[in-house]
C-alpha atoms as a PDB file:
ATOM      1  CA  MET A   1       8.025   7.877   3.404  1.00  0.00           C
ATOM      2  CA  GLY A   2       9.367   4.421   3.242  1.00  0.00           C
ATOM      3  CA  ASN A   3       6.001   3.095   2.531  1.00  0.00           C
ATOM      4  CA  ALA A   4       5.211   3.266   6.269  1.00  0.00           C
ATOM      5  CA  ALA A   5       2.203   3.927   5.246  1.00  0.00           C
ATOM      6  CA  VAL A   6      -0.400   1.182   7.519  1.00  0.00           C
ATOM      7  CA  THR A   7      -1.838   4.354   9.204  1.00  0.00           C
ATOM      8  CA  PHE A   8      -2.572   6.473   6.245  1.00  0.00           C
ATOM      9  CA  PRO A   9      -6.515   6.927   4.534  1.00  0.00           C
ATOM     10  CA  GLY A  10      -7.486   6.795   0.858  1.00  0.00           C
ATOM     11  CA  LEU A  11      -7.390   5.121  -2.134  1.00  0.00           C
ATOM     12  CA  TRP A  12      -3.903   3.399  -2.197  1.00  0.00           C
ATOM     13  CA  ALA A  13      -4.938   2.205   1.401  1.00  0.00           C
ATOM     14  CA  LEU A  14      -6.318  -0.620  -1.080  1.00  0.00           C
ATOM     15  CA  GLN A  15      -2.865  -1.961  -1.264  1.00  0.00           C
ATOM     16  CA  ASN A  16      -1.185  -0.728   2.932  1.00  0.00           C
ATOM     17  CA  ASN A  17      -4.209  -1.110   4.786  1.00  0.00           C
ATOM     18  CA  VAL A  18      -7.957  -1.361   3.628  1.00  0.00           C
ATOM     19  CA  ALA A  19      -9.429  -0.196   6.317  1.00  0.00           C
ATOM     20  CA  GLY A  20      -8.497   3.266   5.208  1.00  0.00           C
ATOM     21  CA  ILE A  21     -10.683   3.616   2.442  1.00  0.00           C
ATOM     22  CA  GLY A  22     -13.577   3.556   4.717  1.00  0.00           C
ATOM     23  CA  LYS A  23     -12.367   7.260   4.632  1.00  0.00           C
ATOM     24  CA  ILE A  24     -13.306   8.369   1.218  1.00  0.00           C
ATOM     25  CA  GLU A  25     -15.914  10.468   0.549  1.00  0.00           C
ATOM     26  CA  LYS A  26     -16.428  11.195  -3.169  1.00  0.00           C
ATOM     27  CA  PRO A  27     -15.287   8.224  -5.715  1.00  0.00           C
ATOM     28  CA  MET A  28     -11.934   7.530  -6.893  1.00  0.00           C
ATOM     29  CA  VAL A  29      -9.742   5.878  -9.375  1.00  0.00           C
ATOM     30  CA  GLY A  30      -5.923   5.667  -9.612  1.00  0.00           C
ATOM     31  CA  VAL A  31      -2.882   4.200 -11.290  1.00  0.00           C
ATOM     32  CA  TYR A  32       0.405   2.965 -10.087  1.00  0.00           C
ATOM     33  CA  ALA A  33       3.679   2.101 -12.205  1.00  0.00           C
ATOM     34  CA  GLU A  34       7.115   0.814  -9.859  1.00  0.00           C
ATOM     35  CA  ASN A  35      10.185  -0.167 -11.514  1.00  0.00           C
ATOM     36  CA  ARG A  36      12.933  -1.290  -9.217  1.00  0.00           C
ATOM     37  CA  PHE A  37      16.723  -1.551  -9.993  1.00  0.00           C
ATOM     38  CA  GLY A  38      15.746  -0.848 -13.870  1.00  0.00           C
ATOM     39  CA  LEU A  39      15.329  -4.206 -14.679  1.00  0.00           C
ATOM     40  CA  SER A  40      12.169  -5.086 -16.345  1.00  0.00           C
ATOM     41  CA  ALA A  41      11.832  -8.647 -14.807  1.00  0.00           C
ATOM     42  CA  PHE A  42      10.453  -6.403 -11.646  1.00  0.00           C
ATOM     43  CA  THR A  43       8.480  -3.641 -12.964  1.00  0.00           C
ATOM     44  CA  THR A  44       4.657  -2.941 -11.237  1.00  0.00           C
ATOM     45  CA  VAL A  45       1.230  -1.602 -12.624  1.00  0.00           C
ATOM     46  CA  ALA A  46      -1.194  -1.407 -10.828  1.00  0.00           C
ATOM     47  CA  PHE A  47      -4.934   0.151 -11.324  1.00  0.00           C
ATOM     48  CA  LEU A  48      -7.242   0.694  -8.334  1.00  0.00           C
ATOM     49  CA  GLY A  49     -10.805   2.166  -7.706  1.00  0.00           C
ATOM     50  CA  ALA A  50     -13.213   3.329  -4.783  1.00  0.00           C
ATOM     51  CA  LEU A  51     -16.683   3.641  -4.856  1.00  0.00           C
ATOM     52  CA  PRO A  52     -18.085   5.039  -1.295  1.00  0.00           C
ATOM     53  CA  VAL A  53     -21.859   4.135  -0.075  1.00  0.00           C
ATOM     54  CA  LYS A  54     -23.429   6.384   1.985  1.00  0.00           C
ATOM     55  CA  ASP A  55     -24.079   4.695   5.288  1.00  0.00           C
ATOM     56  CA  ILE A  56     -22.712   2.234   4.313  1.00  0.00           C
ATOM     57  CA  GLY A  57     -18.654   2.331   3.666  1.00  0.00           C
ATOM     58  CA  THR A  58     -16.688   2.595   0.435  1.00  0.00           C
ATOM     59  CA  PHE A  59     -16.274  -0.967  -1.884  1.00  0.00           C
ATOM     60  CA  GLY A  60     -13.117  -1.022  -3.751  1.00  0.00           C
ATOM     61  CA  LEU A  61     -10.845  -2.766  -6.397  1.00  0.00           C
ATOM     62  CA  SER A  62      -7.416  -3.079  -7.113  1.00  0.00           C
ATOM     63  CA  MET A  63      -5.831  -5.055  -9.763  1.00  0.00           C
ATOM     64  CA  SER A  64      -2.104  -5.346 -10.267  1.00  0.00           C
ATOM     65  CA  ARG A  65       0.425  -7.078 -12.035  1.00  0.00           C
ATOM     66  CA  PHE A  66       4.639  -7.927 -11.443  1.00  0.00           C
ATOM     67  CA  GLY A  67       6.854  -9.691 -13.626  1.00  0.00           C
ATOM     68  CA  ASP A  68       7.488 -10.723 -16.747  1.00  0.00           C
ATOM     69  CA  ASP A  69       7.009 -13.542 -19.881  1.00  0.00           C
ATOM     70  CA  LEU A  70       9.950 -15.491 -17.747  1.00  0.00           C
ATOM     71  CA  PHE A  71       7.641 -14.923 -13.986  1.00  0.00           C
ATOM     72  CA  SER A  72       4.810 -12.945 -13.237  1.00  0.00           C
ATOM     73  CA  ARG A  73       2.611 -12.524 -10.033  1.00  0.00           C
ATOM     74  CA  GLN A  74      -1.183 -11.077 -11.170  1.00  0.00           C
ATOM     75  CA  SER A  75      -4.037 -10.453  -8.771  1.00  0.00           C
ATOM     76  CA  LEU A  76      -7.552  -8.980  -9.027  1.00  0.00           C
ATOM     77  CA  GLY A  77      -8.808  -8.188  -4.909  1.00  0.00           C
ATOM     78  CA  LEU A  78     -12.537  -6.441  -3.516  1.00  0.00           C
ATOM     79  CA  GLY A  79     -12.217  -4.818  -0.601  1.00  0.00           C
ATOM     80  CA  PHE A  80     -14.677  -2.508   1.820  1.00  0.00           C
ATOM     81  CA  GLY A  81     -14.148  -0.121   4.206  1.00  0.00           C
ATOM     82  CA  HIS A  82     -16.542   1.586   6.965  1.00  0.00           C
ATOM     83  CA  GLN A  83     -15.651   4.636   9.471  1.00  0.00           C
ATOM     84  CA  ILE A  84     -17.446   4.335  12.757  1.00  0.00           C
ATOM     85  CA  GLY A  85     -16.707   6.914  14.849  1.00  0.00           C
ATOM     86  CA  GLN A  86     -13.018   7.601  15.093  1.00  0.00           C
ATOM     87  CA  PHE A  87     -12.486   4.227  14.054  1.00  0.00           C
ATOM     88  CA  SER A  88     -12.367   2.700  10.670  1.00  0.00           C
ATOM     89  CA  LEU A  89     -12.697  -1.379   9.765  1.00  0.00           C
ATOM     90  CA  GLY A  90     -11.509  -2.632   6.273  1.00  0.00           C
ATOM     91  CA  ALA A  91     -11.201  -5.950   4.941  1.00  0.00           C
ATOM     92  CA  LYS A  92     -10.618  -7.579   1.512  1.00  0.00           C
ATOM     93  CA  ALA A  93     -10.130 -10.759  -0.273  1.00  0.00           C
ATOM     94  CA  ASP A  94      -7.602 -11.694  -3.612  1.00  0.00           C
ATOM     95  CA  VAL A  95      -7.172 -13.858  -5.668  1.00  0.00           C
ATOM     96  CA  TRP A  96      -3.761 -14.382  -7.267  1.00  0.00           C
ATOM     97  CA  GLN A  97      -2.495 -15.765 -10.097  1.00  0.00           C
ATOM     98  CA  VAL A  98       1.566 -16.787  -9.965  1.00  0.00           C
ATOM     99  CA  ALA A  99       3.142 -18.210 -13.178  1.00  0.00           C
ATOM    100  CA  ALA A 100       6.674 -19.065 -14.294  1.00  0.00           C
ATOM    101  CA  GLN A 101       7.758 -20.687 -18.192  1.00  0.00           C
ATOM    102  CA  GLY A 102       7.947 -23.610 -18.197  1.00  0.00           C
ATOM    103  CA  LEU A 103       5.930 -24.521 -14.795  1.00  0.00           C
ATOM    104  CA  GLY A 104       2.673 -23.147 -15.715  1.00  0.00           C
ATOM    105  CA  SER A 105       0.278 -20.541 -13.300  1.00  0.00           C
ATOM    106  CA  ARG A 106      -1.584 -21.659  -9.924  1.00  0.00           C
ATOM    107  CA  LYS A 107      -4.316 -19.673  -8.309  1.00  0.00           C
ATOM    108  CA  ALA A 108      -4.303 -18.455  -4.865  1.00  0.00           C
ATOM    109  CA  PHE A 109      -6.938 -16.763  -2.396  1.00  0.00           C
ATOM    110  CA  THR A 110      -6.386 -14.255   0.418  1.00  0.00           C
ATOM    111  CA  PHE A 111      -8.016 -12.571   2.946  1.00  0.00           C
ATOM    112  CA  SER A 112      -6.939  -8.920   4.721  1.00  0.00           C
ATOM    113  CA  VAL A 113      -8.452  -7.311   7.097  1.00  0.00           C
ATOM    114  CA  GLY A 114      -7.488  -4.011   8.813  1.00  0.00           C
ATOM    115  CA  VAL A 115      -7.698  -1.063  11.125  1.00  0.00           C
ATOM    116  CA  GLN A 116      -7.221   2.263  11.426  1.00  0.00           C
ATOM    117  CA  ALA A 117      -8.289   5.293  14.859  1.00  0.00           C
ATOM    118  CA  GLU A 118      -7.401   8.822  15.730  1.00  0.00           C
ATOM    119  CA  VAL A 119      -6.380   8.319  19.025  1.00  0.00           C
ATOM    120  CA  ILE A 120      -5.953  11.464  20.022  1.00  0.00           C
ATOM    121  CA  PRO A 121      -6.501  14.867  17.521  1.00  0.00           C
ATOM    122  CA  ASP A 122      -3.669  14.666  15.058  1.00  0.00           C
ATOM    123  CA  LEU A 123      -2.205  10.873  16.699  1.00  0.00           C
ATOM    124  CA  PHE A 124      -3.264   8.077  14.609  1.00  0.00           C
ATOM    125  CA  PHE A 125      -2.743   4.225  14.772  1.00  0.00           C
ATOM    126  CA  GLY A 126      -3.026   1.655  11.956  1.00  0.00           C
ATOM    127  CA  ALA A 127      -2.986  -2.636  11.842  1.00  0.00           C
ATOM    128  CA  TYR A 128      -3.201  -4.730   9.142  1.00  0.00           C
ATOM    129  CA  ALA A 129      -3.065  -8.096   8.966  1.00  0.00           C
ATOM    130  CA  TYR A 130      -2.215  -9.512   5.167  1.00  0.00           C
ATOM    131  CA  ASN A 131      -2.900 -13.282   3.925  1.00  0.00           C
ATOM    132  CA  LEU A 132      -4.368 -14.318   7.313  1.00  0.00           C
ATOM    133  CA  ASN A 133      -5.485 -18.003   5.676  1.00  0.00           C
ATOM    134  CA  GLN A 134      -1.507 -18.299   4.548  1.00  0.00           C
ATOM    135  CA  ALA A 135      -2.247 -19.481   0.788  1.00  0.00           C
ATOM    136  CA  LYS A 136      -0.935 -21.557  -0.871  1.00  0.00           C
ATOM    137  CA  VAL A 137       0.924 -21.226  -4.395  1.00  0.00           C
ATOM    138  CA  ALA A 138       2.953 -25.063  -4.536  1.00  0.00           C
ATOM    139  CA  THR A 139       2.578 -28.211  -2.822  1.00  0.00           C
ATOM    140  CA  PHE A 140       6.325 -28.278  -3.193  1.00  0.00           C
ATOM    141  CA  GLU A 141       8.185 -27.130  -0.129  1.00  0.00           C
ATOM    142  CA  ASP A 142       4.296 -25.923   1.209  1.00  0.00           C
ATOM    143  CA  GLU A 143       5.457 -23.101  -0.839  1.00  0.00           C
ATOM    144  CA  ARG A 144       2.812 -20.100   0.178  1.00  0.00           C
ATOM    145  CA  LEU A 145       2.347 -16.760  -0.282  1.00  0.00           C
ATOM    146  CA  PRO A 146       3.597 -14.082   2.283  1.00  0.00           C
ATOM    147  CA  THR A 147       1.770 -13.529   5.654  1.00  0.00           C
ATOM    148  CA  ILE A 148       2.328  -9.998   6.434  1.00  0.00           C
ATOM    149  CA  MET A 149       1.476  -7.977  10.145  1.00  0.00           C
ATOM    150  CA  LYS A 150       1.704  -4.303  10.327  1.00  0.00           C
ATOM    151  CA  ALA A 151       0.930  -1.649  13.354  1.00  0.00           C
ATOM    152  CA  GLY A 152       2.330   1.833  13.288  1.00  0.00           C
ATOM    153  CA  LEU A 153       1.638   5.353  14.229  1.00  0.00           C
ATOM    154  CA  ALA A 154       1.589   8.703  12.104  1.00  0.00           C
ATOM    155  CA  TYR A 155       1.786  11.965  14.108  1.00  0.00           C
ATOM    156  CA  ARG A 156       0.933  15.537  12.845  1.00  0.00           C
ATOM    157  CA  PRO A 157       2.475  17.968  14.767  1.00  0.00           C
ATOM    158  CA  TYR A 158       0.973  20.803  13.276  1.00  0.00           C
ATOM    159  CA  GLN A 159      -0.643  20.848   9.522  1.00  0.00           C
ATOM    160  CA  LYS A 160       2.634  21.068   7.224  1.00  0.00           C
ATOM    161  CA  LEU A 161       4.574  18.213   9.258  1.00  0.00           C
ATOM    162  CA  LEU A 162       3.941  14.747   9.127  1.00  0.00           C
ATOM    163  CA  LEU A 163       5.581  11.315  10.865  1.00  0.00           C
ATOM    164  CA  SER A 164       5.173   8.126  10.462  1.00  0.00           C
ATOM    165  CA  ALA A 165       7.084   4.798  11.671  1.00  0.00           C
ATOM    166  CA  GLU A 166       5.867   1.101  11.961  1.00  0.00           C
ATOM    167  CA  THR A 167       7.081  -2.294  12.646  1.00  0.00           C
ATOM    168  CA  GLU A 168       6.355  -4.734   9.572  1.00  0.00           C
ATOM    169  CA  LYS A 169       6.263  -8.577  10.494  1.00  0.00           C
ATOM    170  CA  ASP A 170       6.498 -11.711   7.463  1.00  0.00           C
ATOM    171  CA  ILE A 171       6.027 -14.904   9.838  1.00  0.00           C
ATOM    172  CA  ASN A 172       8.769 -16.095   7.951  1.00  0.00           C
ATOM    173  CA  TYR A 173      11.738 -13.136   8.285  1.00  0.00           C
ATOM    174  CA  PRO A 174      12.550 -10.553  10.714  1.00  0.00           C
ATOM    175  CA  ALA A 175      10.444  -7.595  11.513  1.00  0.00           C
ATOM    176  CA  ASP A 176      10.929  -4.291   9.420  1.00  0.00           C
ATOM    177  CA  LEU A 177      11.337  -1.130  11.097  1.00  0.00           C
ATOM    178  CA  LYS A 178      10.187   2.197   8.889  1.00  0.00           C
ATOM    179  CA  ALA A 179       9.739   5.680   9.487  1.00  0.00           C
ATOM    180  CA  GLY A 180       8.795   8.654   7.025  1.00  0.00           C
ATOM    181  CA  ILE A 181       8.368  12.159   6.735  1.00  0.00           C
ATOM    182  CA  GLU A 182       6.623  14.524   4.952  1.00  0.00           C
ATOM    183  CA  TYR A 183       6.624  18.534   4.433  1.00  0.00           C
ATOM    184  CA  LYS A 184       4.270  20.607   3.062  1.00  0.00           C
ATOM    185  CA  LEU A 185       6.152  23.039   1.129  1.00  0.00           C
ATOM    186  CA  ILE A 186       1.845  24.478   0.160  1.00  0.00           C
ATOM    187  CA  GLU A 187      -0.941  23.465   0.404  1.00  0.00           C
ATOM    188  CA  LYS A 188      -0.812  21.434  -3.390  1.00  0.00           C
ATOM    189  CA  PHE A 189       2.852  20.164  -2.848  1.00  0.00           C
ATOM    190  CA  ALA A 190       4.511  18.253  -0.349  1.00  0.00           C
ATOM    191  CA  LEU A 191       8.246  17.070  -0.111  1.00  0.00           C
ATOM    192  CA  ARG A 192       8.927  13.312   1.554  1.00  0.00           C
ATOM    193  CA  THR A 193      11.932  10.993   2.268  1.00  0.00           C
ATOM    194  CA  GLY A 194      11.304   7.455   4.730  1.00  0.00           C
ATOM    195  CA  PHE A 195      13.979   5.196   5.549  1.00  0.00           C
ATOM    196  CA  SER A 196      13.529   1.074   6.123  1.00  0.00           C
ATOM    197  CA  ALA A 197      15.681  -0.412   8.121  1.00  0.00           C
ATOM    198  CA  GLN A 198      15.720  -4.372   6.934  1.00  0.00           C
ATOM    199  CA  THR A 199      16.234  -3.383   3.520  1.00  0.00           C
ATOM    200  CA  SER A 200      18.531  -0.417   3.709  1.00  0.00           C
ATOM    201  CA  THR A 201      16.841   1.533   1.625  1.00  0.00           C
ATOM    202  CA  THR A 202      16.650   5.054   1.469  1.00  0.00           C
ATOM    203  CA  THR A 203      13.391   6.545   0.168  1.00  0.00           C
ATOM    204  CA  PHE A 204      12.783  10.147  -1.538  1.00  0.00           C
ATOM    205  CA  GLY A 205       9.321  12.077  -3.391  1.00  0.00           C
ATOM    206  CA  ALA A 206       6.885  14.977  -3.699  1.00  0.00           C
ATOM    207  CA  GLY A 207       3.907  15.025  -4.232  1.00  0.00           C
ATOM    208  CA  PHE A 208       1.293  16.915  -6.425  1.00  0.00           C
ATOM    209  CA  LEU A 209      -2.096  18.458  -6.024  1.00  0.00           C
ATOM    210  CA  ALA A 210      -3.833  19.746  -8.957  1.00  0.00           C
ATOM    211  CA  ARG A 211      -7.605  20.262  -8.319  1.00  0.00           C
ATOM    212  CA  HIS A 212      -9.047  16.649  -8.587  1.00  0.00           C
ATOM    213  CA  LEU A 213      -5.776  15.107  -9.572  1.00  0.00           C
ATOM    214  CA  GLN A 214      -3.085  14.227  -7.194  1.00  0.00           C
ATOM    215  CA  VAL A 215       0.322  12.790  -8.744  1.00  0.00           C
ATOM    216  CA  ASP A 216       2.896  11.171  -6.254  1.00  0.00           C
ATOM    217  CA  TYR A 217       6.454  10.599  -7.175  1.00  0.00           C
ATOM    218  CA  ALA A 218       9.304   9.063  -5.222  1.00  0.00           C
ATOM    219  CA  LEU A 219      13.089   7.113  -5.283  1.00  0.00           C
ATOM    220  CA  GLY A 220      14.068   4.590  -3.502  1.00  0.00           C
ATOM    221  CA  THR A 221      17.924   3.668  -3.596  1.00  0.00           C
ATOM    222  CA  THR A 222      19.124   0.390  -2.106  1.00  0.00           C
ATOM    223  CA  THR A 223      23.005   0.204  -1.519  1.00  0.00           C
ATOM    224  CA  LEU A 224      24.348  -2.610  -3.249  1.00  0.00           C
ATOM    225  CA  LEU A 225      21.057  -2.977  -5.814  1.00  0.00           C
ATOM    226  CA  GLY A 226      20.634   0.908  -7.143  1.00  0.00           C
ATOM    227  CA  LEU A 227      17.545   2.846  -7.841  1.00  0.00           C
ATOM    228  CA  SER A 228      13.351   2.153  -8.089  1.00  0.00           C
ATOM    229  CA  HIS A 229      11.212   4.423  -9.233  1.00  0.00           C
ATOM    230  CA  HIS A 230       7.455   5.159  -7.883  1.00  0.00           C
ATOM    231  CA  LEU A 231       4.593   6.943  -9.754  1.00  0.00           C
ATOM    232  CA  SER A 232       1.280   7.207  -9.041  1.00  0.00           C
ATOM    233  CA  ILE A 233      -1.763   9.427 -10.521  1.00  0.00           C
ATOM    234  CA  SER A 234      -5.347   9.531  -8.826  1.00  0.00           C
ATOM    235  CA  TYR A 235      -8.583  10.983  -9.578  1.00  0.00           C
ATOM    236  CA  LYS A 236     -11.074  11.938  -7.293  1.00  0.00           C
ATOM    237  CA  HIS A 237     -14.435  12.417  -8.572  1.00  0.00           C
ATOM    238  CA  ASN A 238     -16.179  16.132  -7.572  1.00  0.00           C
END
């Protein structure tokens, strides 16, 4: 859906907008793999888990790795989300390790917050601020991890159709407009498409729910750089 996911609740909200884990009612775990442009150096793998605690909220754990032996970026994150009426609030802390061959490695800490709400029935709002503390990874040219702000809306005009749009702003780059559509052919099978204006990326995908197992696949295409593949598998404990 063009990664227009700031309004979406669930396990993957740990990476998109931590507020969304506040709506999780059962323990969940998931794995994610991504390869961009057919290059091993642009591969990401991740593991996520969420544990709801009655009357307190939902705790989340995320681990991810991007890159290869020449350059890599790894993270370990802890998040928390809590539902209050129609609002869901969340916060997350991540420890990052960035390593480059011949240059050693550096660690950095990021802090992020988010909110989601059902404004009126079937109209959803989300906002997320990532790396509020503008974590520094090197003193050379004041190199920092990106600080990103994003906000968006999602609307479900009827049960089978979901429309989503958001704007994302890295403080050092122009804003990006993203939008996506999901259509459920049947209750447990959905087709999706979307786009990102800043990167000229178009995405297509599908999701399938089999009892407690959810499988999602997406294909992204960028005119100049080629194809990207994204696969996630998650399990919800009954």
